[in-house]
Amino acid sequence: MKHIILLIFLLTIQVFAQTYGSYSFSDAKSAGLAFTYTSNGLGIDAIGVNPANLALQDYSKFSMKTFFPLPPLAVSLTTPLTIEKYNYFFGGVIDSTGKTVGRYLSQADKDELNQLLGESDLIFNFNLNYLSFAINVNENIGAFGFAFTDHFGTNFRLSKVFTDLIFSGLYPVKLYSFSDMDIKASYTREISFNYGRKIIEFNNKFIKDVYAGLGIKLIKGYYYLSTAKNNSYFKLDSDNVIRGKWDYEIYHALSPSFAKNYGKDSIVSVKDFSFSLFPEPSGSGTGFDLGVTANLANQIRVALAIVNIGSITWDKNQAIIKGSGDFSFEGYSSKEQIDSLSNKFKEVTSDLKTSFTTSLPTTLRLGLSYQLDQAPFISKFPGKMLVSFDYNQGFNNEIGNSTKPRFSLGIDWKPGNWIPFIRTGISVGGKLGFRWGFGLGFMMGPIEFDFATSNFESIISPNSANKINFFAESRWRF
């Protein structure tokens, strides 16, 4: 039993690093601010967040991110069990002889462990940023941004049926539904062109000026897997016969350079497969980012953006796999019964001709910033401090996105010329729940180094934390 629980524990580990939906972004600065970025992500940090902010004054006219001198690094781990909980459930207890023996779990313990393990996702998201830069020419011409990025992502949610069966067994007449199971995986490449500039300047006491921006994304899709539908279920009827139905639909596509899609639950790799930096795409699409930012009186800035508007059409080496049927099982009394049940689940249909379309992780961002050190009610303040608030709302549950709203508050403080940037923030809601960010930024001539974690509680209280991550990156400024 313990080995089974440990297997589920490993399968429900959540690995997170760099995504572009509603609940995070790829740069270390934003991680320190608990991913608060809509109104304060300027220059190169505005790409993918709010293109209007490209034209706002930053610390430099030109900024660029490459693999040198410090390549972007992001390592993150979120588990369903904290170290404290793991030691409680699996660490054992000391008996009367002084030996460590297994802990006897009460029903309340089983219910708690079932809850922790049964409602966890396996999430992995990673961005490989080959090159990105932003240049602010002037107010008349505006600012331009470019990014060349690969996105890798998975989002696996196993059905709670599995943990229910392990902890509680099979109950008569209870319906065991797999509708909560969700499996998604994708690999896409994005080339984005961005532009922002000041569009209106006011001469009143409330609004100073307004900036607008547009981002256009050309996207190539190399892999996609999704359970588009899963209405499968089973139950043990009163006559001790297990009856059920499987009813699922899977979308699958992959680059012809990787393998041939046979339209089954598994694929066969091409024997002479070779790695290529530019594989043949299985799908293509276009996306758009729209943003507007206004500078108000008393050092207040408000921003609104809608990003990742668009879709990808998968029309090469794609398959729509469907399975549907009823089954019944009375026991392992004969080989014929087992073979009959096994053959039932092999009855799948595959559509290799019909293309399908998937949405980008479309997200609404609303941000508010206040330059606290220049507040009229403060006469003297040590350095500069920007306080920001964000609301992020995803419109779908594609990889990196969530329809659960997320709220965050970030503080970016530069106490003095020789003191590094000190950043912190909290985020609540969304896919990942509560997060406490902390980070430092160092300006060393034309290079800026940023280090951060979006889960600072794992440093000050490691035993009670189940989220650990670290971000580091460098950028050039001229």
Protein backbone atom coordinates (compact mmCIF):
# COMPACT_ATOMS: atom_id res chain seq x y z
CA MET A 1 0.00 0.00 0.00
CA LYS A 2 2.78 2.44 0.91
CA HIS A 3 4.48 1.93 -2.46
CA ILE A 4 1.17 2.63 -4.23
CA ILE A 5 0.72 5.86 -2.25
CA LEU A 6 4.28 6.93 -3.04
CA LEU A 7 3.62 6.29 -6.73
CA ILE A 8 0.54 8.51 -6.63
CA PHE A 9 2.57 11.10 -4.72
CA LEU A 10 5.16 11.18 -7.50
CA LEU A 11 2.53 11.28 -10.23
CA THR A 12 0.80 14.25 -8.61
CA ILE A 13 3.95 16.35 -8.23
CA GLN A 14 3.42 19.74 -9.83
CA VAL A 15 6.39 21.15 -11.66
CA PHE A 16 6.07 24.71 -12.80
CA ALA A 17 8.47 26.93 -14.67
CA GLN A 18 7.71 29.80 -16.99
CA THR A 19 4.38 29.96 -18.72
CA TYR A 20 2.33 32.64 -20.41
CA GLY A 21 -1.29 32.27 -19.30
CA SER A 22 -3.18 33.83 -16.40
CA TYR A 23 -1.20 32.66 -13.40
CA SER A 24 2.47 33.43 -14.12
CA PHE A 25 5.03 34.81 -16.51
CA SER A 26 8.56 34.01 -17.50
CA ASP A 27 10.79 36.72 -15.99
CA ALA A 28 12.47 36.73 -12.59
CA LYS A 29 11.35 40.28 -11.81
CA SER A 30 7.67 39.31 -12.03
CA ALA A 31 8.29 36.20 -9.93
CA GLY A 32 9.62 38.38 -7.09
CA LEU A 33 6.45 40.47 -7.31
CA ALA A 34 4.27 37.32 -7.18
CA PHE A 35 3.56 37.78 -10.90
CA THR A 36 2.21 41.32 -10.65
CA TYR A 37 3.10 42.87 -14.02
CA THR A 38 0.24 44.46 -16.01
CA SER A 39 0.99 48.11 -15.20
CA ASN A 40 4.65 47.85 -14.13
CA GLY A 41 6.15 45.48 -16.73
CA LEU A 42 8.03 48.01 -18.89
CA GLY A 43 10.32 47.66 -21.88
CA ILE A 44 11.18 44.06 -22.63
CA ASP A 45 9.01 42.88 -19.72
CA ALA A 46 5.94 44.25 -21.53
CA ILE A 47 6.17 41.63 -24.30
CA GLY A 48 3.37 39.11 -23.79
CA VAL A 49 1.96 41.12 -20.87
CA ASN A 50 0.87 44.54 -22.11
CA PRO A 51 2.34 45.91 -25.37
CA ALA A 52 1.29 49.46 -24.47
CA ASN A 53 4.00 49.50 -21.79
CA LEU A 54 6.71 49.20 -24.43
CA ALA A 55 6.52 52.95 -24.95
CA LEU A 56 6.62 53.93 -21.28
CA GLN A 57 9.84 55.28 -19.81
CA ASP A 58 12.08 52.50 -18.50
CA TYR A 59 15.65 52.55 -17.18
CA SER A 60 16.97 52.35 -20.74
CA LYS A 61 15.91 52.85 -24.34
CA PHE A 62 17.05 49.39 -25.41
CA SER A 63 16.89 46.09 -23.51
CA MET A 64 17.66 42.55 -24.64
CA LYS A 65 17.58 39.01 -23.23
CA THR A 66 19.83 36.25 -24.54
CA PHE A 67 21.62 33.18 -23.15
CA PHE A 68 24.61 35.36 -22.19
CA PRO A 69 25.88 36.16 -19.59
CA LEU A 70 23.25 34.29 -17.52
CA PRO A 71 20.71 32.11 -19.35
CA PRO A 72 17.15 32.20 -17.98
CA LEU A 73 16.79 29.68 -15.17
CA ALA A 74 13.55 28.56 -13.55
CA VAL A 75 13.20 25.57 -11.25
CA SER A 76 9.93 24.98 -9.45
CA LEU A 77 8.33 22.12 -7.54
CA THR A 78 4.90 21.92 -5.97
CA THR A 79 3.80 18.73 -4.24
CA PRO A 80 0.45 17.77 -2.71
CA LEU A 81 2.19 16.98 0.61
CA THR A 82 4.44 19.20 2.69
CA ILE A 83 7.49 17.68 4.39
CA GLU A 84 5.59 17.89 7.65
CA LYS A 85 2.62 15.98 6.20
CA TYR A 86 4.85 13.45 4.49
CA ASN A 87 6.66 12.67 7.76
CA TYR A 88 3.32 12.28 9.50
CA PHE A 89 1.81 9.88 7.00
CA PHE A 90 4.93 7.93 5.97
CA GLY A 91 7.56 8.63 8.63
CA GLY A 92 6.17 6.08 11.08
CA VAL A 93 5.99 6.16 14.88
CA ILE A 94 8.17 4.76 17.65
CA ASP A 95 6.66 1.78 19.47
CA SER A 96 7.19 0.65 23.06
CA THR A 97 10.43 -1.13 22.14
CA GLY A 98 11.95 1.98 20.57
CA LYS A 99 11.57 0.74 16.99
CA THR A 100 10.05 2.80 14.20
CA VAL A 101 6.92 1.15 12.85
CA GLY A 102 4.25 2.24 10.41
CA ARG A 103 1.56 4.61 11.56
CA TYR A 104 -1.98 3.28 11.78
CA LEU A 105 -4.13 5.75 9.86
CA SER A 106 -7.49 6.61 11.27
CA GLN A 107 -10.43 7.21 8.96
CA ALA A 108 -9.88 10.96 9.35
CA ASP A 109 -6.23 10.49 8.32
CA LYS A 110 -7.26 8.48 5.25
CA ASP A 111 -9.83 11.08 4.28
CA GLU A 112 -7.24 13.87 4.57
CA LEU A 113 -4.61 11.99 2.56
CA ASN A 114 -7.18 11.08 -0.07
CA GLN A 115 -8.15 14.74 -0.33
CA LEU A 116 -4.52 15.89 -0.67
CA LEU A 117 -3.54 13.30 -3.27
CA GLY A 118 -6.81 13.08 -5.18
CA GLU A 119 -7.12 16.75 -6.13
CA SER A 120 -3.61 17.52 -7.38
CA ASP A 121 -2.42 18.29 -10.88
CA LEU A 122 0.81 17.46 -12.66
CA ILE A 123 1.74 20.74 -14.30
CA PHE A 124 4.91 21.45 -16.25
CA ASN A 125 5.36 24.60 -18.27
CA PHE A 126 8.62 25.89 -19.69
CA ASN A 127 9.58 28.67 -22.07
CA LEU A 128 12.80 28.61 -24.06
CA ASN A 129 13.50 32.23 -24.97
CA TYR A 130 16.01 32.28 -27.81
CA LEU A 131 16.01 36.04 -28.22
CA SER A 132 13.90 39.00 -27.18
CA PHE A 133 14.49 42.74 -27.28
CA ALA A 134 12.68 46.05 -26.97
CA ILE A 135 13.63 49.49 -28.25
CA ASN A 136 11.90 52.77 -27.42
CA VAL A 137 12.71 55.19 -30.26
CA ASN A 138 10.82 58.31 -29.16
CA GLU A 139 7.31 59.53 -28.41
CA ASN A 140 6.54 60.30 -32.04
CA ILE A 141 7.67 56.96 -33.48
CA GLY A 142 6.93 54.72 -30.51
CA ALA A 143 8.54 51.49 -29.27
CA PHE A 144 9.09 48.08 -30.82
CA GLY A 145 9.52 44.63 -29.32
CA PHE A 146 10.43 41.18 -30.64
CA ALA A 147 10.49 37.71 -29.09
CA PHE A 148 11.35 34.24 -30.39
CA THR A 149 10.14 31.62 -27.91
CA ASP A 150 9.32 27.92 -27.62
CA HIS A 151 6.53 26.89 -25.22
CA PHE A 152 6.42 23.42 -23.67
CA GLY A 153 3.54 22.52 -21.39
CA THR A 154 1.59 19.73 -19.74
CA ASN A 155 -1.41 19.69 -17.45
CA PHE A 156 -2.39 16.27 -16.11
CA ARG A 157 -5.21 15.74 -13.64
CA LEU A 158 -5.78 12.13 -12.67
CA SER A 159 -9.30 11.11 -11.71
CA LYS A 160 -10.11 10.99 -8.00
CA VAL A 161 -11.55 7.53 -8.71
CA PHE A 162 -8.05 6.06 -8.33
CA THR A 163 -7.42 7.38 -4.81
CA ASP A 164 -11.02 6.63 -3.75
CA LEU A 165 -10.53 2.97 -4.68
CA ILE A 166 -7.19 2.78 -2.85
CA PHE A 167 -8.36 4.39 0.39
CA SER A 168 -12.02 3.36 0.51
CA GLY A 169 -12.39 0.35 -1.76
CA LEU A 170 -15.26 -0.41 -4.11
CA TYR A 171 -18.65 0.57 -2.70
CA PRO A 172 -21.84 -1.01 -4.08
CA VAL A 173 -24.14 1.19 -6.20
CA LYS A 174 -21.71 4.16 -6.00
CA LEU A 175 -21.03 5.79 -9.39
CA TYR A 176 -17.32 6.14 -10.20
CA SER A 177 -16.99 8.81 -12.90
CA PHE A 178 -13.82 9.75 -14.78
CA SER A 179 -15.20 13.10 -15.96
CA ASP A 180 -12.72 14.95 -13.71
CA MET A 181 -9.74 13.51 -15.57
CA ASP A 182 -7.98 16.07 -17.75
CA ILE A 183 -4.87 15.50 -19.86
CA LYS A 184 -3.22 18.22 -21.94
CA ALA A 185 0.24 18.54 -23.49
CA SER A 186 1.63 20.84 -26.16
CA TYR A 187 4.78 22.15 -27.81
CA THR A 188 4.52 25.37 -29.82
CA ARG A 189 6.86 28.00 -31.24
CA GLU A 190 6.00 31.68 -31.18
CA ILE A 191 7.50 34.65 -33.01
CA SER A 192 5.96 37.91 -31.84
CA PHE A 193 6.20 41.47 -33.13
CA ASN A 194 5.06 44.22 -30.78
CA TYR A 195 4.46 47.94 -31.04
CA GLY A 196 3.39 50.61 -28.56
CA ARG A 197 3.21 54.39 -28.45
CA LYS A 198 1.55 57.37 -26.82
CA ILE A 199 -1.80 58.05 -28.52
CA ILE A 200 -3.33 60.86 -26.46
CA GLU A 201 -1.92 63.60 -24.23
CA PHE A 202 -4.35 65.47 -21.98
CA ASN A 203 -4.03 68.86 -20.36
CA ASN A 204 -6.20 68.27 -17.32
CA LYS A 205 -5.62 67.40 -13.69
CA PHE A 206 -6.94 63.83 -13.84
CA ILE A 207 -5.49 62.11 -16.95
CA LYS A 208 -2.00 62.95 -18.21
CA ASP A 209 -1.54 60.65 -21.19
CA VAL A 210 -2.66 57.34 -22.71
CA TYR A 211 -0.56 54.65 -24.41
CA ALA A 212 -1.74 51.81 -26.63
CA GLY A 213 -0.02 48.71 -27.96
CA LEU A 214 -0.45 45.75 -30.28
CA GLY A 215 1.33 42.40 -30.43
CA ILE A 216 1.09 39.96 -33.34
CA LYS A 217 2.15 36.35 -32.85
CA LEU A 218 2.96 33.83 -35.55
CA ILE A 219 2.64 30.36 -34.03
CA LYS A 220 3.77 26.93 -35.19
CA GLY A 221 2.44 23.86 -33.40
CA TYR A 222 4.61 20.75 -33.08
CA TYR A 223 2.66 18.66 -30.57
CA TYR A 224 -0.78 18.61 -28.98
CA LEU A 225 -2.69 16.11 -26.84
CA SER A 226 -5.99 16.72 -25.08
CA THR A 227 -8.89 14.77 -23.65
CA ALA A 228 -11.63 16.75 -25.33
CA LYS A 229 -14.30 14.60 -23.65
CA ASN A 230 -14.40 11.87 -21.02
CA ASN A 231 -17.81 10.68 -19.81
CA SER A 232 -16.62 7.22 -18.79
CA TYR A 233 -17.90 5.63 -15.57
CA PHE A 234 -18.60 2.33 -13.79
CA LYS A 235 -20.39 1.05 -10.67
CA LEU A 236 -20.90 -2.17 -8.72
CA ASP A 237 -24.59 -3.04 -8.96
CA SER A 238 -26.57 -4.85 -6.28
CA ASP A 239 -26.16 -8.18 -8.11
CA ASN A 240 -22.32 -7.89 -7.70
CA VAL A 241 -21.77 -7.18 -11.40
CA ILE A 242 -19.62 -4.21 -12.41
CA ARG A 243 -21.32 -2.31 -15.20
CA GLY A 244 -20.11 0.81 -16.90
CA LYS A 245 -19.54 2.82 -20.03
CA TRP A 246 -16.49 4.33 -21.68
CA ASP A 247 -17.07 7.44 -23.73
CA TYR A 248 -14.06 9.58 -24.54
CA GLU A 249 -12.59 11.74 -27.29
CA ILE A 250 -8.89 12.58 -27.65
CA TYR A 251 -7.32 15.21 -29.89
CA HIS A 252 -3.80 14.37 -30.94
CA ALA A 253 -1.32 15.95 -33.36
CA LEU A 254 2.43 15.90 -33.77
CA SER A 255 5.03 17.10 -36.20
CA PRO A 256 5.60 14.74 -39.16
CA SER A 257 9.31 15.22 -38.38
CA PHE A 258 8.82 13.43 -35.05
CA ALA A 259 6.64 10.41 -35.83
CA LYS A 260 3.73 9.09 -37.83
CA ASN A 261 0.31 9.43 -36.22
CA TYR A 262 -1.49 6.09 -36.45
CA GLY A 263 -4.59 7.38 -34.68
CA LYS A 264 -4.35 4.99 -31.75
CA ASP A 265 -3.74 5.47 -28.05
CA SER A 266 -0.03 5.23 -28.77
CA ILE A 267 2.22 6.22 -31.68
CA VAL A 268 5.19 4.56 -33.36
CA SER A 269 8.28 6.73 -33.73
CA VAL A 270 9.96 7.03 -37.08
CA LYS A 271 13.07 4.85 -37.10
CA ASP A 272 15.31 7.42 -38.75
CA PHE A 273 14.18 10.26 -36.47
CA SER A 274 16.73 13.06 -36.13
CA PHE A 275 16.57 16.23 -34.10
CA SER A 276 15.92 19.47 -35.96
CA LEU A 277 15.76 23.06 -34.74
CA PHE A 278 13.08 23.71 -37.36
CA PRO A 279 10.79 20.64 -37.54
CA GLU A 280 7.80 20.51 -39.85
CA PRO A 281 4.76 21.90 -37.96
CA SER A 282 1.57 19.95 -37.39
CA GLY A 283 -0.47 23.13 -36.90
CA SER A 284 -0.26 26.87 -37.28
CA GLY A 285 -2.09 29.91 -36.01
CA THR A 286 -2.04 33.60 -35.23
CA GLY A 287 -2.43 35.41 -31.93
CA PHE A 288 -2.86 39.01 -30.82
CA ASP A 289 -2.10 41.04 -27.70
CA LEU A 290 -3.92 44.32 -27.09
CA GLY A 291 -3.12 46.79 -24.34
CA VAL A 292 -3.79 50.30 -23.11
CA THR A 293 -2.13 52.17 -20.24
CA ALA A 294 -2.97 55.58 -18.78
CA ASN A 295 -0.88 57.80 -16.51
CA LEU A 296 -3.14 59.58 -14.08
CA ALA A 297 -2.54 62.40 -11.63
CA ASN A 298 -0.71 61.81 -8.34
CA GLN A 299 1.62 59.16 -9.78
CA ILE A 300 -1.14 56.62 -10.52
CA ARG A 301 -0.99 54.32 -13.53
CA VAL A 302 -3.80 52.03 -14.75
CA ALA A 303 -3.48 49.36 -17.43
CA LEU A 304 -5.76 46.96 -19.27
CA ALA A 305 -4.66 44.19 -21.62
CA ILE A 306 -6.13 41.17 -23.37
CA VAL A 307 -3.42 38.76 -24.50
CA ASN A 308 -3.23 35.54 -26.49
CA ILE A 309 -6.32 36.20 -28.59
CA GLY A 310 -6.34 33.57 -31.30
CA SER A 311 -6.11 29.87 -32.07
CA ILE A 312 -4.08 27.10 -33.68
CA THR A 313 -5.45 24.85 -36.41
CA TRP A 314 -3.95 21.36 -36.37
CA ASP A 315 -4.22 19.95 -39.91
CA LYS A 316 -1.12 17.81 -40.46
CA ASN A 317 -0.49 14.39 -38.93
CA GLN A 318 -3.48 14.86 -36.64
CA ALA A 319 -6.04 12.40 -35.26
CA ILE A 320 -9.33 12.50 -33.39
CA ILE A 321 -9.53 9.29 -31.37
CA LYS A 322 -12.95 8.19 -30.05
CA GLY A 323 -13.99 5.32 -27.85
CA SER A 324 -17.54 4.47 -26.83
CA GLY A 325 -19.37 1.42 -25.54
CA ASP A 326 -20.86 -0.42 -22.59
CA PHE A 327 -19.27 -3.20 -20.58
CA SER A 328 -20.03 -5.55 -17.69
CA PHE A 329 -17.71 -7.68 -15.56
CA GLU A 330 -18.71 -10.53 -13.26
CA GLY A 331 -15.23 -11.66 -12.17
CA TYR A 332 -12.14 -13.55 -13.25
CA SER A 333 -13.90 -16.88 -13.58
CA SER A 334 -12.62 -17.65 -17.08
CA LYS A 335 -10.05 -16.46 -19.62
CA GLU A 336 -12.85 -15.87 -22.11
CA GLN A 337 -14.47 -13.31 -19.79
CA ILE A 338 -11.21 -11.42 -19.36
CA ASP A 339 -10.49 -11.46 -23.10
CA SER A 340 -14.01 -10.28 -23.86
CA LEU A 341 -13.63 -7.33 -21.50
CA SER A 342 -10.20 -6.48 -22.91
CA ASN A 343 -11.50 -6.54 -26.47
CA LYS A 344 -14.29 -4.15 -25.53
CA PHE A 345 -11.79 -1.44 -24.67
CA LYS A 346 -9.94 -1.92 -27.95
CA GLU A 347 -12.97 -0.81 -29.94
CA VAL A 348 -11.86 2.71 -30.91
CA THR A 349 -12.46 4.77 -34.02
CA SER A 350 -9.87 7.15 -35.43
CA ASP A 351 -10.50 10.13 -37.68
CA LEU A 352 -7.23 10.97 -39.45
CA LYS A 353 -8.71 13.43 -41.95
CA THR A 354 -10.57 16.02 -39.89
CA SER A 355 -8.55 18.96 -38.59
CA PHE A 356 -9.28 20.56 -35.23
CA THR A 357 -8.70 23.97 -33.68
CA THR A 358 -7.49 24.87 -30.18
CA SER A 359 -7.60 28.24 -28.46
CA LEU A 360 -4.60 30.12 -27.15
CA PRO A 361 -4.59 30.80 -23.38
CA THR A 362 -6.58 34.03 -23.73
CA THR A 363 -6.28 36.21 -20.62
CA LEU A 364 -7.63 39.53 -19.36
CA ARG A 365 -5.21 41.60 -17.28
CA LEU A 366 -6.08 44.66 -15.22
CA GLY A 367 -3.37 46.52 -13.30
CA LEU A 368 -2.93 49.56 -11.06
CA SER A 369 0.38 51.10 -9.90
CA TYR A 370 1.26 53.89 -7.51
CA GLN A 371 4.64 55.60 -7.12
CA LEU A 372 4.62 55.74 -3.35
CA ASP A 373 7.86 57.73 -2.92
CA GLN A 374 6.31 60.65 -4.86
CA ALA A 375 3.03 60.66 -2.97
CA PRO A 376 1.93 64.20 -1.95
CA PHE A 377 1.48 63.11 1.67
CA ILE A 378 5.12 61.90 1.97
CA SER A 379 7.81 64.56 2.37
CA LYS A 380 10.85 62.26 2.42
CA PHE A 381 11.18 58.64 1.34
CA PRO A 382 14.26 56.36 1.21
CA GLY A 383 14.73 55.64 -2.50
CA LYS A 384 11.95 54.73 -4.93
CA MET A 385 9.02 52.40 -4.34
CA LEU A 386 6.34 51.27 -6.78
CA VAL A 387 3.26 49.51 -5.38
CA SER A 388 1.19 47.51 -7.90
CA PHE A 389 -2.05 45.54 -7.93
CA ASP A 390 -3.17 43.02 -10.57
CA TYR A 391 -6.29 41.10 -11.57
CA ASN A 392 -5.79 38.25 -14.05
CA GLN A 393 -8.70 36.33 -15.56
CA GLY A 394 -8.29 33.44 -17.98
CA PHE A 395 -11.03 32.72 -20.51
CA ASN A 396 -10.23 29.02 -20.87
CA ASN A 397 -8.32 26.20 -19.19
CA GLU A 398 -5.68 25.69 -21.84
CA ILE A 399 -2.12 25.03 -20.68
CA GLY A 400 -0.86 27.87 -18.48
CA ASN A 401 -4.34 29.33 -18.09
CA SER A 402 -7.23 29.09 -15.62
CA THR A 403 -10.76 30.44 -15.49
CA LYS A 404 -10.26 30.97 -11.74
CA PRO A 405 -9.47 34.68 -11.18
CA ARG A 406 -6.12 35.60 -9.64
CA PHE A 407 -5.33 38.71 -7.57
CA SER A 408 -1.83 39.90 -6.69
CA LEU A 409 -0.05 42.78 -4.93
CA GLY A 410 3.61 43.62 -5.58
CA ILE A 411 6.15 46.08 -4.13
CA ASP A 412 9.29 47.08 -6.09
CA TRP A 413 11.70 49.12 -3.91
CA LYS A 414 15.07 50.66 -4.80
CA PRO A 415 16.35 52.01 -1.45
CA GLY A 416 19.46 53.71 -2.88
CA ASN A 417 21.98 53.82 -5.72
CA TRP A 418 24.23 51.06 -4.38
CA ILE A 419 21.46 48.96 -2.85
CA PRO A 420 19.79 46.33 -5.10
CA PHE A 421 16.12 46.31 -5.99
CA ILE A 422 14.10 44.60 -3.27
CA ARG A 423 10.88 42.99 -4.50
CA THR A 424 8.07 41.17 -2.79
CA GLY A 425 4.41 40.37 -3.39
CA ILE A 426 1.54 38.02 -2.70
CA SER A 427 -0.84 36.27 -5.08
CA VAL A 428 -4.13 34.53 -4.27
CA GLY A 429 -6.61 32.56 -6.36
CA GLY A 430 -6.03 31.12 -9.79
CA LYS A 431 -4.63 27.67 -10.44
CA LEU A 432 -1.87 27.73 -7.83
CA GLY A 433 -3.51 29.45 -4.86
CA PHE A 434 -1.50 31.50 -2.37
CA ARG A 435 2.04 32.53 -3.36
CA TRP A 436 4.50 34.85 -1.63
CA GLY A 437 7.19 36.26 -3.89
CA PHE A 438 10.57 37.73 -3.05
CA GLY A 439 13.42 38.84 -5.29
CA LEU A 440 16.51 40.99 -5.74
CA GLY A 441 17.72 42.95 -8.77
CA PHE A 442 21.30 44.14 -9.39
CA MET A 443 22.29 46.82 -11.91
CA MET A 444 25.91 46.29 -12.97
CA GLY A 445 26.69 48.68 -15.76
CA PRO A 446 24.84 47.61 -18.92
CA ILE A 447 23.76 44.28 -17.37
CA GLU A 448 20.93 43.65 -14.92
CA PHE A 449 20.78 40.43 -12.89
CA ASP A 450 17.51 39.34 -11.29
CA PHE A 451 16.96 36.52 -8.77
CA ALA A 452 13.61 35.60 -7.26
CA THR A 453 11.26 33.02 -5.85
CA SER A 454 7.49 33.19 -6.00
CA ASN A 455 7.22 30.91 -2.94
CA PHE A 456 9.25 32.65 -0.23
CA GLU A 457 7.43 30.71 2.49
CA SER A 458 9.43 27.63 1.45
CA ILE A 459 12.60 29.42 2.62
CA ILE A 460 11.38 30.67 5.98
CA SER A 461 9.24 27.60 6.77
CA PRO A 462 10.40 24.67 4.60
CA ASN A 463 8.64 21.94 6.62
CA SER A 464 5.18 23.43 6.09
CA ALA A 465 5.66 24.52 2.46
CA ASN A 466 4.72 22.48 -0.59
CA LYS A 467 5.92 24.97 -3.22
CA ILE A 468 9.60 25.55 -3.98
CA ASN A 469 10.96 27.49 -6.93
CA PHE A 470 13.78 29.75 -8.06
CA PHE A 471 14.14 32.18 -10.99
CA ALA A 472 17.32 33.79 -12.31
CA GLU A 473 18.08 35.76 -15.48
CA SER A 474 20.10 38.59 -16.96
CA ARG A 475 19.34 41.32 -19.46
CA TRP A 476 21.33 43.91 -21.38
CA ARG A 477 20.38 47.59 -21.14
CA PHE A 478 21.67 50.45 -23.30
